[in-house]
N, C-alpha and C. Protein backbone atom coordinates (compact mmCIF):
# COMPACT_ATOMS: atom_id res chain seq x y z
N MET A 1 -6.65 7.92 -17.91
CA MET A 1 -6.82 6.89 -16.91
C MET A 1 -8.30 6.70 -16.65
N GLY A 2 -8.77 5.44 -16.70
CA GLY A 2 -10.18 5.21 -16.58
C GLY A 2 -10.77 5.81 -15.32
N GLY A 3 -11.65 6.78 -15.47
CA GLY A 3 -12.39 7.33 -14.37
C GLY A 3 -11.66 8.41 -13.60
N SER A 4 -10.40 8.72 -13.93
CA SER A 4 -9.69 9.72 -13.15
C SER A 4 -8.99 10.70 -14.06
N ASP A 5 -8.72 11.87 -13.51
CA ASP A 5 -8.08 12.92 -14.29
C ASP A 5 -6.62 12.57 -14.54
N GLU A 6 -6.13 12.88 -15.72
CA GLU A 6 -4.80 12.47 -16.11
C GLU A 6 -3.69 13.24 -15.38
N SER A 7 -4.03 14.36 -14.73
CA SER A 7 -3.02 15.12 -14.02
C SER A 7 -3.02 14.83 -12.52
N ILE A 8 -3.72 13.81 -12.10
CA ILE A 8 -3.88 13.53 -10.69
C ILE A 8 -2.55 13.12 -10.06
N LYS A 9 -2.39 13.54 -8.80
CA LYS A 9 -1.18 13.22 -8.04
C LYS A 9 -1.56 12.30 -6.89
N TYR A 10 -0.63 11.41 -6.54
CA TYR A 10 -0.85 10.49 -5.42
C TYR A 10 0.17 10.83 -4.34
N GLU A 11 -0.35 11.24 -3.19
CA GLU A 11 0.49 11.71 -2.08
C GLU A 11 0.48 10.65 -0.99
N LEU A 12 1.64 10.04 -0.74
CA LEU A 12 1.76 8.94 0.20
C LEU A 12 2.31 9.45 1.52
N SER A 13 1.55 9.26 2.59
CA SER A 13 1.99 9.76 3.90
C SER A 13 3.12 8.91 4.45
N GLN A 14 3.84 9.50 5.37
CA GLN A 14 4.95 8.80 6.04
C GLN A 14 4.44 7.55 6.75
N THR A 15 3.32 7.67 7.44
CA THR A 15 2.76 6.53 8.17
C THR A 15 2.43 5.38 7.24
N ALA A 16 1.73 5.67 6.14
CA ALA A 16 1.35 4.63 5.19
C ALA A 16 2.58 3.97 4.58
N TYR A 17 3.55 4.78 4.15
CA TYR A 17 4.74 4.25 3.50
C TYR A 17 5.54 3.35 4.43
N ILE A 18 5.77 3.80 5.64
CA ILE A 18 6.57 3.01 6.57
C ILE A 18 5.86 1.72 6.95
N LYS A 19 4.55 1.77 7.14
CA LYS A 19 3.82 0.56 7.51
C LYS A 19 3.87 -0.49 6.40
N LEU A 20 3.67 -0.09 5.16
CA LEU A 20 3.68 -1.10 4.09
C LEU A 20 5.08 -1.66 3.87
N VAL A 21 6.11 -0.84 4.05
CA VAL A 21 7.48 -1.35 3.93
C VAL A 21 7.79 -2.32 5.07
N LEU A 22 7.43 -1.96 6.30
CA LEU A 22 7.67 -2.85 7.44
C LEU A 22 6.93 -4.18 7.27
N HIS A 23 5.72 -4.12 6.70
CA HIS A 23 4.95 -5.35 6.47
C HIS A 23 5.70 -6.27 5.51
N ALA A 24 6.24 -5.69 4.44
CA ALA A 24 6.99 -6.49 3.47
C ALA A 24 8.29 -7.04 4.08
N LEU A 25 8.94 -6.23 4.92
CA LEU A 25 10.20 -6.67 5.53
C LEU A 25 9.97 -7.79 6.54
N LYS A 26 8.80 -7.81 7.16
CA LYS A 26 8.52 -8.87 8.14
C LYS A 26 8.37 -10.23 7.47
N HIS A 27 7.95 -10.24 6.22
CA HIS A 27 7.71 -11.49 5.50
C HIS A 27 8.48 -11.46 4.17
N PRO A 28 9.80 -11.49 4.22
CA PRO A 28 10.61 -11.29 3.00
C PRO A 28 10.49 -12.39 1.96
N SER A 29 10.05 -13.57 2.37
CA SER A 29 9.95 -14.67 1.40
C SER A 29 8.50 -14.97 1.02
N SER A 30 7.60 -14.05 1.35
CA SER A 30 6.18 -14.24 1.06
C SER A 30 5.63 -13.08 0.24
N ALA A 31 4.52 -13.37 -0.42
CA ALA A 31 3.78 -12.28 -1.05
C ALA A 31 2.97 -11.59 0.03
N VAL A 32 3.09 -10.28 0.15
CA VAL A 32 2.32 -9.54 1.15
C VAL A 32 1.42 -8.53 0.45
N ASN A 33 0.33 -8.20 1.09
CA ASN A 33 -0.56 -7.22 0.51
C ASN A 33 -1.34 -6.49 1.59
N GLY A 34 -1.90 -5.36 1.23
CA GLY A 34 -2.67 -4.59 2.18
C GLY A 34 -3.49 -3.52 1.50
N ILE A 35 -4.22 -2.78 2.30
CA ILE A 35 -5.17 -1.77 1.84
C ILE A 35 -4.60 -0.38 2.08
N LEU A 36 -4.84 0.50 1.15
CA LEU A 36 -4.46 1.91 1.30
C LEU A 36 -5.73 2.71 1.57
N VAL A 37 -5.68 3.56 2.59
CA VAL A 37 -6.85 4.38 2.91
C VAL A 37 -6.47 5.86 2.83
N GLY A 38 -7.45 6.67 2.51
CA GLY A 38 -7.20 8.10 2.38
C GLY A 38 -8.42 8.80 1.84
N ARG A 39 -8.17 9.87 1.09
CA ARG A 39 -9.27 10.64 0.52
C ARG A 39 -8.82 11.35 -0.74
N LEU A 40 -9.78 11.76 -1.53
CA LEU A 40 -9.52 12.61 -2.70
C LEU A 40 -9.61 14.05 -2.23
N SER A 41 -8.63 14.86 -2.60
CA SER A 41 -8.61 16.26 -2.17
C SER A 41 -9.85 16.99 -2.68
N SER A 42 -10.18 18.09 -2.01
CA SER A 42 -11.41 18.82 -2.34
C SER A 42 -11.42 19.35 -3.77
N ASP A 43 -10.22 19.59 -4.33
CA ASP A 43 -10.17 20.07 -5.72
C ASP A 43 -9.99 18.93 -6.72
N ASN A 44 -10.08 17.69 -6.23
CA ASN A 44 -10.03 16.48 -7.08
C ASN A 44 -8.71 16.31 -7.83
N THR A 45 -7.62 16.90 -7.32
CA THR A 45 -6.34 16.78 -8.01
C THR A 45 -5.38 15.80 -7.35
N THR A 46 -5.65 15.44 -6.10
CA THR A 46 -4.70 14.63 -5.35
C THR A 46 -5.40 13.53 -4.56
N VAL A 47 -4.91 12.30 -4.69
CA VAL A 47 -5.34 11.22 -3.82
C VAL A 47 -4.37 11.22 -2.64
N GLN A 48 -4.89 11.52 -1.47
CA GLN A 48 -4.07 11.62 -0.27
C GLN A 48 -4.13 10.29 0.48
N ILE A 49 -3.07 9.50 0.38
CA ILE A 49 -3.00 8.18 1.02
C ILE A 49 -2.46 8.38 2.42
N SER A 50 -3.32 8.25 3.41
CA SER A 50 -2.93 8.60 4.77
C SER A 50 -2.52 7.41 5.63
N ASP A 51 -2.96 6.21 5.27
CA ASP A 51 -2.61 5.06 6.10
C ASP A 51 -2.62 3.79 5.25
N ALA A 52 -1.97 2.76 5.78
CA ALA A 52 -1.94 1.44 5.15
C ALA A 52 -2.38 0.41 6.18
N MET A 53 -3.19 -0.52 5.75
CA MET A 53 -3.66 -1.58 6.64
C MET A 53 -3.18 -2.93 6.10
N PRO A 54 -2.20 -3.55 6.77
CA PRO A 54 -1.66 -4.82 6.29
C PRO A 54 -2.72 -5.93 6.34
N VAL A 55 -2.85 -6.68 5.26
CA VAL A 55 -3.89 -7.70 5.19
C VAL A 55 -3.32 -9.11 5.27
N SER A 56 -2.39 -9.46 4.38
CA SER A 56 -2.01 -10.87 4.26
C SER A 56 -0.52 -11.04 3.97
N HIS A 57 -0.01 -12.22 4.31
CA HIS A 57 1.36 -12.59 3.95
C HIS A 57 1.40 -14.01 3.41
N SER A 58 0.31 -14.42 2.80
CA SER A 58 0.24 -15.75 2.19
C SER A 58 0.69 -15.68 0.74
N ALA A 59 0.98 -16.85 0.18
CA ALA A 59 1.47 -16.90 -1.20
C ALA A 59 0.41 -16.43 -2.19
N CYS A 60 -0.86 -16.61 -1.82
CA CYS A 60 -1.94 -16.25 -2.75
C CYS A 60 -2.89 -15.26 -2.09
N ALA A 61 -3.14 -14.16 -2.74
CA ALA A 61 -4.07 -13.15 -2.22
C ALA A 61 -5.49 -13.60 -2.56
N LEU A 62 -6.26 -13.97 -1.55
CA LEU A 62 -7.61 -14.47 -1.77
C LEU A 62 -8.61 -13.34 -1.58
N LEU A 63 -9.55 -13.24 -2.51
CA LEU A 63 -10.49 -12.13 -2.49
C LEU A 63 -11.46 -12.17 -1.31
N PRO A 64 -12.05 -13.34 -0.94
CA PRO A 64 -13.02 -13.32 0.17
C PRO A 64 -12.47 -12.74 1.48
N PRO A 65 -11.30 -13.21 1.99
CA PRO A 65 -10.76 -12.58 3.21
C PRO A 65 -10.46 -11.10 3.01
N LEU A 66 -10.02 -10.75 1.82
CA LEU A 66 -9.72 -9.35 1.54
C LEU A 66 -10.99 -8.52 1.56
N GLU A 67 -12.09 -9.08 1.07
CA GLU A 67 -13.36 -8.34 1.09
C GLU A 67 -13.80 -8.08 2.53
N ILE A 68 -13.57 -9.07 3.42
CA ILE A 68 -13.89 -8.86 4.83
C ILE A 68 -13.02 -7.75 5.40
N ALA A 69 -11.73 -7.79 5.05
CA ALA A 69 -10.81 -6.75 5.52
C ALA A 69 -11.21 -5.38 4.98
N LEU A 70 -11.62 -5.32 3.72
CA LEU A 70 -12.06 -4.05 3.13
C LEU A 70 -13.27 -3.49 3.88
N THR A 71 -14.22 -4.36 4.19
CA THR A 71 -15.42 -3.93 4.91
C THR A 71 -15.06 -3.39 6.28
N GLN A 72 -14.18 -4.11 6.99
CA GLN A 72 -13.79 -3.67 8.33
C GLN A 72 -13.00 -2.36 8.26
N ALA A 73 -12.15 -2.24 7.25
CA ALA A 73 -11.36 -1.01 7.10
C ALA A 73 -12.27 0.18 6.86
N GLU A 74 -13.27 0.00 5.99
CA GLU A 74 -14.18 1.10 5.69
C GLU A 74 -14.99 1.49 6.92
N GLU A 75 -15.44 0.49 7.69
CA GLU A 75 -16.20 0.78 8.91
C GLU A 75 -15.34 1.54 9.92
N TYR A 76 -14.10 1.11 10.08
CA TYR A 76 -13.20 1.73 11.05
C TYR A 76 -12.88 3.17 10.67
N TYR A 77 -12.52 3.38 9.41
CA TYR A 77 -12.07 4.71 9.01
C TYR A 77 -13.22 5.68 8.76
N CYS A 78 -14.38 5.18 8.40
CA CYS A 78 -15.53 6.07 8.28
C CYS A 78 -15.87 6.66 9.64
N LYS A 79 -15.75 5.84 10.68
CA LYS A 79 -16.00 6.33 12.03
C LYS A 79 -14.88 7.25 12.49
N ALA A 80 -13.66 6.94 12.08
CA ALA A 80 -12.51 7.67 12.59
C ALA A 80 -12.27 9.01 11.90
N GLY A 81 -12.80 9.22 10.71
CA GLY A 81 -12.51 10.50 10.07
C GLY A 81 -12.83 10.58 8.60
N GLU A 82 -13.83 9.84 8.17
CA GLU A 82 -14.32 9.96 6.80
C GLU A 82 -13.26 9.65 5.74
N LEU A 83 -12.43 8.67 6.02
CA LEU A 83 -11.48 8.19 5.02
C LEU A 83 -12.09 7.03 4.27
N ASN A 84 -11.56 6.77 3.08
CA ASN A 84 -12.06 5.68 2.25
C ASN A 84 -10.90 4.78 1.82
N VAL A 85 -11.25 3.59 1.36
CA VAL A 85 -10.25 2.73 0.73
C VAL A 85 -9.92 3.32 -0.63
N VAL A 86 -8.66 3.67 -0.85
CA VAL A 86 -8.27 4.34 -2.10
C VAL A 86 -7.29 3.52 -2.93
N GLY A 87 -6.90 2.34 -2.42
CA GLY A 87 -5.95 1.54 -3.20
C GLY A 87 -5.50 0.30 -2.46
N TYR A 88 -4.46 -0.28 -2.99
CA TYR A 88 -3.98 -1.60 -2.57
C TYR A 88 -2.48 -1.64 -2.76
N TYR A 89 -1.78 -2.31 -1.86
CA TYR A 89 -0.33 -2.51 -2.07
C TYR A 89 0.00 -3.99 -2.08
N HIS A 90 1.08 -4.32 -2.76
CA HIS A 90 1.42 -5.72 -2.99
C HIS A 90 2.93 -5.87 -3.12
N ALA A 91 3.47 -6.91 -2.53
CA ALA A 91 4.87 -7.28 -2.74
C ALA A 91 4.90 -8.72 -3.23
N ASN A 92 5.61 -8.95 -4.31
CA ASN A 92 5.68 -10.30 -4.88
C ASN A 92 6.57 -11.21 -4.04
N GLU A 93 6.26 -12.51 -4.14
CA GLU A 93 7.01 -13.50 -3.37
C GLU A 93 8.45 -13.62 -3.86
N ARG A 94 8.62 -13.63 -5.17
CA ARG A 94 9.96 -13.81 -5.74
C ARG A 94 10.72 -12.49 -5.77
N TYR A 95 11.98 -12.54 -5.40
CA TYR A 95 12.82 -11.35 -5.29
C TYR A 95 12.92 -10.60 -6.62
N ASP A 96 13.02 -11.35 -7.71
CA ASP A 96 13.25 -10.73 -9.02
C ASP A 96 11.95 -10.49 -9.81
N ASP A 97 10.80 -10.64 -9.16
CA ASP A 97 9.52 -10.46 -9.84
C ASP A 97 9.07 -9.01 -9.67
N SER A 98 9.07 -8.28 -10.78
CA SER A 98 8.68 -6.87 -10.75
C SER A 98 7.38 -6.63 -11.51
N GLU A 99 6.62 -7.71 -11.73
CA GLU A 99 5.37 -7.59 -12.48
C GLU A 99 4.17 -7.50 -11.52
N LEU A 100 3.18 -6.74 -11.93
CA LEU A 100 1.92 -6.70 -11.20
C LEU A 100 1.07 -7.86 -11.70
N GLY A 101 0.94 -8.89 -10.88
CA GLY A 101 0.31 -10.13 -11.30
C GLY A 101 -1.21 -10.05 -11.39
N PRO A 102 -1.82 -11.11 -11.92
CA PRO A 102 -3.27 -11.15 -12.12
C PRO A 102 -4.07 -10.96 -10.83
N ALA A 103 -3.62 -11.57 -9.73
CA ALA A 103 -4.36 -11.45 -8.46
C ALA A 103 -4.38 -10.00 -7.99
N ALA A 104 -3.23 -9.34 -8.06
CA ALA A 104 -3.15 -7.93 -7.65
C ALA A 104 -4.01 -7.05 -8.56
N ARG A 105 -4.02 -7.35 -9.84
CA ARG A 105 -4.84 -6.56 -10.77
C ARG A 105 -6.33 -6.75 -10.48
N ARG A 106 -6.73 -7.97 -10.14
CA ARG A 106 -8.14 -8.23 -9.83
C ARG A 106 -8.58 -7.45 -8.59
N ILE A 107 -7.70 -7.43 -7.59
CA ILE A 107 -8.04 -6.70 -6.36
C ILE A 107 -8.09 -5.20 -6.65
N GLY A 108 -7.16 -4.73 -7.48
CA GLY A 108 -7.20 -3.34 -7.91
C GLY A 108 -8.50 -3.01 -8.62
N ASP A 109 -8.95 -3.91 -9.48
CA ASP A 109 -10.23 -3.72 -10.19
C ASP A 109 -11.39 -3.64 -9.21
N HIS A 110 -11.33 -4.48 -8.18
CA HIS A 110 -12.39 -4.51 -7.17
C HIS A 110 -12.49 -3.15 -6.46
N ILE A 111 -11.35 -2.58 -6.08
CA ILE A 111 -11.34 -1.29 -5.40
C ILE A 111 -11.72 -0.17 -6.37
N PHE A 112 -11.29 -0.30 -7.61
CA PHE A 112 -11.58 0.71 -8.64
C PHE A 112 -13.08 0.94 -8.81
N ARG A 113 -13.85 -0.14 -8.65
CA ARG A 113 -15.30 -0.01 -8.82
C ARG A 113 -15.91 0.97 -7.83
N TYR A 114 -15.29 1.09 -6.66
CA TYR A 114 -15.80 1.97 -5.62
C TYR A 114 -15.05 3.31 -5.55
N PHE A 115 -13.82 3.31 -6.08
CA PHE A 115 -13.00 4.52 -6.04
C PHE A 115 -12.25 4.62 -7.37
N PRO A 116 -12.77 5.38 -8.33
CA PRO A 116 -12.23 5.39 -9.70
C PRO A 116 -10.81 5.93 -9.84
N GLN A 117 -10.28 6.58 -8.81
CA GLN A 117 -8.90 7.06 -8.86
C GLN A 117 -7.96 6.10 -8.13
N ALA A 118 -8.38 4.86 -7.97
CA ALA A 118 -7.63 3.88 -7.18
C ALA A 118 -6.19 3.72 -7.64
N ALA A 119 -5.32 3.49 -6.67
CA ALA A 119 -3.91 3.26 -6.93
C ALA A 119 -3.53 1.86 -6.47
N VAL A 120 -2.61 1.24 -7.19
CA VAL A 120 -1.97 0.01 -6.73
C VAL A 120 -0.47 0.30 -6.61
N LEU A 121 0.08 0.04 -5.44
CA LEU A 121 1.50 0.23 -5.21
C LEU A 121 2.18 -1.14 -5.15
N LEU A 122 3.14 -1.34 -6.02
CA LEU A 122 3.92 -2.58 -6.04
C LEU A 122 5.27 -2.31 -5.41
N LEU A 123 5.59 -3.08 -4.37
CA LEU A 123 6.89 -2.90 -3.72
C LEU A 123 8.00 -3.47 -4.58
N ASP A 124 9.10 -2.76 -4.62
CA ASP A 124 10.28 -3.16 -5.37
C ASP A 124 11.20 -3.94 -4.43
N ASN A 125 11.28 -5.27 -4.61
CA ASN A 125 12.04 -6.11 -3.68
C ASN A 125 13.52 -5.76 -3.65
N LYS A 126 14.06 -5.34 -4.76
CA LYS A 126 15.48 -4.98 -4.80
C LYS A 126 15.74 -3.71 -3.99
N LYS A 127 14.81 -2.75 -4.08
CA LYS A 127 14.96 -1.54 -3.29
C LYS A 127 14.74 -1.82 -1.80
N LEU A 128 13.84 -2.75 -1.50
CA LEU A 128 13.66 -3.15 -0.11
C LEU A 128 14.94 -3.73 0.46
N ASP A 129 15.59 -4.55 -0.33
CA ASP A 129 16.87 -5.14 0.08
C ASP A 129 17.91 -4.04 0.32
N GLY A 130 17.89 -3.04 -0.54
CA GLY A 130 18.80 -1.92 -0.38
C GLY A 130 18.54 -1.14 0.90
N LEU A 131 17.25 -1.00 1.27
CA LEU A 131 16.90 -0.30 2.50
C LEU A 131 17.48 -1.01 3.72
N ILE A 132 17.41 -2.34 3.72
CA ILE A 132 17.94 -3.11 4.83
C ILE A 132 19.45 -2.93 4.95
N LYS A 133 20.10 -2.83 3.81
CA LYS A 133 21.56 -2.67 3.79
C LYS A 133 22.00 -1.21 3.95
N GLY A 134 21.01 -0.33 4.12
CA GLY A 134 21.33 1.08 4.30
C GLY A 134 21.72 1.79 3.03
N LYS A 135 21.31 1.23 1.89
CA LYS A 135 21.65 1.83 0.60
C LYS A 135 20.38 2.35 -0.08
N GLY A 136 20.51 3.50 -0.68
CA GLY A 136 19.40 4.05 -1.46
C GLY A 136 18.34 4.73 -0.61
N ARG A 137 17.79 5.80 -1.15
CA ARG A 137 16.74 6.54 -0.46
C ARG A 137 15.53 6.77 -1.37
N ASP A 138 15.49 6.05 -2.48
CA ASP A 138 14.34 6.16 -3.36
C ASP A 138 13.17 5.39 -2.77
N PRO A 139 11.94 5.86 -2.99
CA PRO A 139 10.77 5.10 -2.53
C PRO A 139 10.80 3.68 -3.08
N ALA A 140 10.49 2.73 -2.22
CA ALA A 140 10.57 1.31 -2.61
C ALA A 140 9.26 0.81 -3.19
N VAL A 141 8.48 1.72 -3.78
CA VAL A 141 7.21 1.35 -4.38
C VAL A 141 7.09 1.93 -5.78
N VAL A 142 6.31 1.23 -6.61
CA VAL A 142 6.01 1.68 -7.96
C VAL A 142 4.50 1.85 -8.06
N LEU A 143 4.08 2.94 -8.66
CA LEU A 143 2.65 3.26 -8.78
C LEU A 143 2.06 2.69 -10.07
N PHE A 144 0.91 2.03 -9.93
CA PHE A 144 0.11 1.59 -11.07
C PHE A 144 -1.27 2.23 -10.97
N THR A 145 -1.79 2.69 -12.12
CA THR A 145 -3.15 3.20 -12.20
C THR A 145 -3.82 2.59 -13.43
N ARG A 146 -5.14 2.66 -13.47
CA ARG A 146 -5.87 2.11 -14.62
C ARG A 146 -5.95 3.13 -15.73
N ASP A 147 -5.66 2.69 -16.95
CA ASP A 147 -5.75 3.60 -18.09
C ASP A 147 -7.14 3.49 -18.74
N SER A 148 -7.32 4.19 -19.83
CA SER A 148 -8.63 4.23 -20.48
C SER A 148 -9.08 2.89 -21.04
N SER A 149 -8.13 1.97 -21.22
CA SER A 149 -8.49 0.64 -21.71
C SER A 149 -8.72 -0.34 -20.56
N LYS A 150 -8.77 0.18 -19.34
CA LYS A 150 -9.03 -0.60 -18.12
C LYS A 150 -7.87 -1.53 -17.77
N ALA A 151 -6.68 -1.22 -18.28
CA ALA A 151 -5.49 -1.99 -17.93
C ALA A 151 -4.69 -1.24 -16.86
N TRP A 152 -4.06 -2.00 -15.97
CA TRP A 152 -3.22 -1.39 -14.94
C TRP A 152 -1.83 -1.15 -15.53
N CYS A 153 -1.41 0.10 -15.53
CA CYS A 153 -0.14 0.48 -16.14
C CYS A 153 0.76 1.17 -15.12
N GLN A 154 2.03 0.86 -15.21
CA GLN A 154 2.99 1.53 -14.34
C GLN A 154 3.11 3.00 -14.73
N VAL A 155 3.08 3.85 -13.73
CA VAL A 155 3.19 5.28 -13.98
C VAL A 155 4.67 5.65 -14.09
N GLY A 156 5.05 6.15 -15.25
CA GLY A 156 6.43 6.54 -15.48
C GLY A 156 6.53 7.98 -15.91
N SER A 157 7.67 8.35 -16.43
CA SER A 157 7.91 9.75 -16.80
C SER A 157 7.01 10.21 -17.95
N GLU A 158 6.49 9.26 -18.73
CA GLU A 158 5.64 9.65 -19.86
C GLU A 158 4.22 9.97 -19.42
N ARG A 159 3.90 9.66 -18.17
CA ARG A 159 2.55 9.93 -17.66
C ARG A 159 2.59 11.11 -16.70
N THR A 160 1.52 11.86 -16.64
CA THR A 160 1.50 13.04 -15.78
C THR A 160 1.11 12.72 -14.35
N SER A 161 0.51 11.56 -14.11
CA SER A 161 0.25 11.15 -12.74
C SER A 161 1.58 10.92 -12.04
N GLN A 162 1.60 11.17 -10.76
CA GLN A 162 2.85 10.98 -10.05
C GLN A 162 2.61 10.59 -8.60
N LEU A 163 3.60 9.90 -8.03
CA LEU A 163 3.55 9.50 -6.63
C LEU A 163 4.62 10.28 -5.87
N VAL A 164 4.22 10.92 -4.78
CA VAL A 164 5.16 11.68 -3.98
C VAL A 164 5.01 11.27 -2.51
N LEU A 165 6.11 11.30 -1.78
CA LEU A 165 6.06 11.12 -0.34
C LEU A 165 5.73 12.46 0.30
N LYS A 166 4.73 12.47 1.14
CA LYS A 166 4.26 13.72 1.73
C LYS A 166 5.32 14.35 2.63
N GLU A 167 5.96 13.52 3.47
CA GLU A 167 6.96 14.04 4.41
C GLU A 167 8.36 13.62 4.00
N PRO A 168 9.27 14.57 3.80
CA PRO A 168 10.66 14.24 3.43
C PRO A 168 11.37 13.43 4.51
N SER A 169 10.87 13.49 5.74
CA SER A 169 11.52 12.78 6.85
C SER A 169 11.25 11.27 6.82
N ALA A 170 10.40 10.82 5.90
CA ALA A 170 10.02 9.41 5.88
C ALA A 170 11.22 8.49 5.73
N HIS A 171 12.19 8.87 4.91
CA HIS A 171 13.33 7.99 4.65
C HIS A 171 14.18 7.78 5.91
N SER A 172 14.49 8.87 6.61
CA SER A 172 15.34 8.75 7.80
C SER A 172 14.61 8.03 8.93
N LEU A 173 13.30 8.29 9.05
CA LEU A 173 12.53 7.60 10.09
C LEU A 173 12.42 6.11 9.80
N LEU A 174 12.22 5.78 8.53
CA LEU A 174 12.17 4.37 8.14
C LEU A 174 13.50 3.69 8.44
N ALA A 175 14.60 4.37 8.17
CA ALA A 175 15.92 3.80 8.45
C ALA A 175 16.06 3.48 9.94
N ASP A 176 15.55 4.37 10.79
CA ASP A 176 15.60 4.13 12.25
C ASP A 176 14.78 2.90 12.61
N HIS A 177 13.61 2.77 12.01
CA HIS A 177 12.74 1.62 12.31
C HIS A 177 13.35 0.31 11.80
N ILE A 178 14.06 0.38 10.70
CA ILE A 178 14.72 -0.81 10.18
C ILE A 178 15.85 -1.23 11.13
N THR A 179 16.60 -0.26 11.61
CA THR A 179 17.69 -0.54 12.55
C THR A 179 17.17 -1.21 13.82
N SER A 180 16.00 -0.77 14.29
CA SER A 180 15.43 -1.32 15.52
C SER A 180 14.54 -2.54 15.27
N LYS A 181 14.48 -2.99 14.00
CA LYS A 181 13.66 -4.14 13.61
C LYS A 181 12.19 -3.96 14.01
N LYS A 182 11.69 -2.78 13.74
CA LYS A 182 10.31 -2.44 14.07
C LYS A 182 9.31 -3.34 13.36
N TRP A 183 9.74 -3.93 12.26
CA TRP A 183 8.81 -4.77 11.49
C TRP A 183 8.30 -5.96 12.29
N LEU A 184 9.03 -6.35 13.33
CA LEU A 184 8.60 -7.48 14.15
C LEU A 184 7.29 -7.20 14.89
N GLU A 185 6.94 -5.93 15.02
CA GLU A 185 5.76 -5.54 15.79
C GLU A 185 4.50 -5.40 14.93
N ILE A 186 4.66 -5.38 13.62
CA ILE A 186 3.49 -5.10 12.77
C ILE A 186 2.59 -6.33 12.65
N VAL A 187 1.29 -6.08 12.64
CA VAL A 187 0.28 -7.14 12.59
C VAL A 187 -0.57 -6.95 11.35
N ASP A 188 -0.86 -8.05 10.64
CA ASP A 188 -1.77 -7.95 9.50
C ASP A 188 -3.09 -8.67 9.80
N PHE A 189 -4.02 -8.57 8.87
CA PHE A 189 -5.36 -9.15 9.07
C PHE A 189 -5.29 -10.66 9.22
N GLU A 190 -4.36 -11.27 8.51
CA GLU A 190 -4.17 -12.72 8.62
C GLU A 190 -3.74 -13.10 10.04
N ASP A 191 -2.84 -12.31 10.63
CA ASP A 191 -2.44 -12.53 12.03
C ASP A 191 -3.65 -12.39 12.96
N HIS A 192 -4.48 -11.38 12.67
CA HIS A 192 -5.66 -11.11 13.48
C HIS A 192 -6.65 -12.28 13.43
N LEU A 193 -6.80 -12.89 12.27
CA LEU A 193 -7.70 -14.04 12.15
C LEU A 193 -7.19 -15.23 12.95
N ASP A 194 -5.86 -15.35 13.06
CA ASP A 194 -5.27 -16.42 13.85
C ASP A 194 -5.37 -16.14 15.35
N ASP A 195 -5.32 -14.87 15.72
CA ASP A 195 -5.36 -14.46 17.13
C ASP A 195 -6.05 -13.10 17.19
N ILE A 196 -7.33 -13.10 17.56
CA ILE A 196 -8.11 -11.86 17.49
C ILE A 196 -7.64 -10.80 18.49
N SER A 197 -6.77 -11.15 19.41
CA SER A 197 -6.23 -10.15 20.33
C SER A 197 -5.22 -9.23 19.63
N LYS A 198 -4.76 -9.65 18.46
CA LYS A 198 -3.82 -8.83 17.69
C LYS A 198 -4.58 -7.84 16.83
N ASP A 199 -4.27 -6.57 16.98
CA ASP A 199 -5.00 -5.50 16.29
C ASP A 199 -4.31 -5.15 14.98
N TRP A 200 -4.97 -5.47 13.87
CA TRP A 200 -4.34 -5.26 12.55
C TRP A 200 -4.38 -3.80 12.11
N VAL A 201 -5.04 -2.94 12.88
CA VAL A 201 -4.99 -1.50 12.62
C VAL A 201 -3.63 -0.94 13.08
N ASN A 202 -2.96 -1.67 13.97
CA ASN A 202 -1.65 -1.27 14.49
C ASN A 202 -1.65 0.14 15.09
N PRO A 203 -2.58 0.41 16.02
CA PRO A 203 -2.71 1.78 16.54
C PRO A 203 -1.51 2.25 17.37
N ASN A 204 -0.77 1.31 17.93
CA ASN A 204 0.34 1.68 18.82
C ASN A 204 1.71 1.45 18.19
N LEU A 205 1.74 1.21 16.89
CA LEU A 205 2.99 0.85 16.23
C LEU A 205 4.06 1.93 16.37
N PHE A 206 3.66 3.18 16.28
CA PHE A 206 4.64 4.27 16.30
C PHE A 206 4.59 5.09 17.59
N LYS A 207 3.99 4.51 18.62
CA LYS A 207 3.92 5.22 19.90
C LYS A 207 5.07 4.80 20.82
C-alpha cells in the first residue's frame, strides 16, 4: 500500500461508526460524505479512527468546501487532543452503487498527501437498509486503501490490512439510535454553512 505498512490495521471507534451511519441514514437519497479523524498508534501498526465529522449531503462532493471543512477539523482536533484527519467516508446516492467513484478517490488522494495511511470508508447501502429493518450486524462500511500503484483498492481477505470495530457494543447501541431516529439530530458542515448556529462537530449528539 502506497506509503503504509501492509500489515496495518484500521480500528473504527463506536462514536465514529455510529455518526457516519446516522449521517447516511438522515439523507438516504443523497450522496453523503465526511471526514475521519484519529491517530496512528505509537508502534505504527494501527490507524485509530476515533471520530467522524459529517461534511455534506449534496449529490456532488466539491473539493473547495471540503478543504475548508478539513482545515476547521484539523484546527479543532489539534486543540482538543492532537488528532489528525486520517480518512474520508462516503455513501453513494444510488442504492445499488457499490463503487468508489472518482470524486471520492480524489478526496482520498488529497488526504493521502498529508496522511499516507489514509483510509476511505464506503458505506454499503444495502447493509444500511438492513440496519433499518433490524437485520444483520455486519459493519455497513467497506475499507479502501491506496496500493503501491496509487490506486484505491477495496480491502478484502487477500489483503492483510483490516478494519475492526473497537467496541463490540457498537451494533446494539446503533440499533437503539436507529429505533429512536437519532439521525434526525445529526448536523453536517453543509447544514452549518446554511445556519452557523448548527454545530457540525455534534458535541451533544450522544449526551
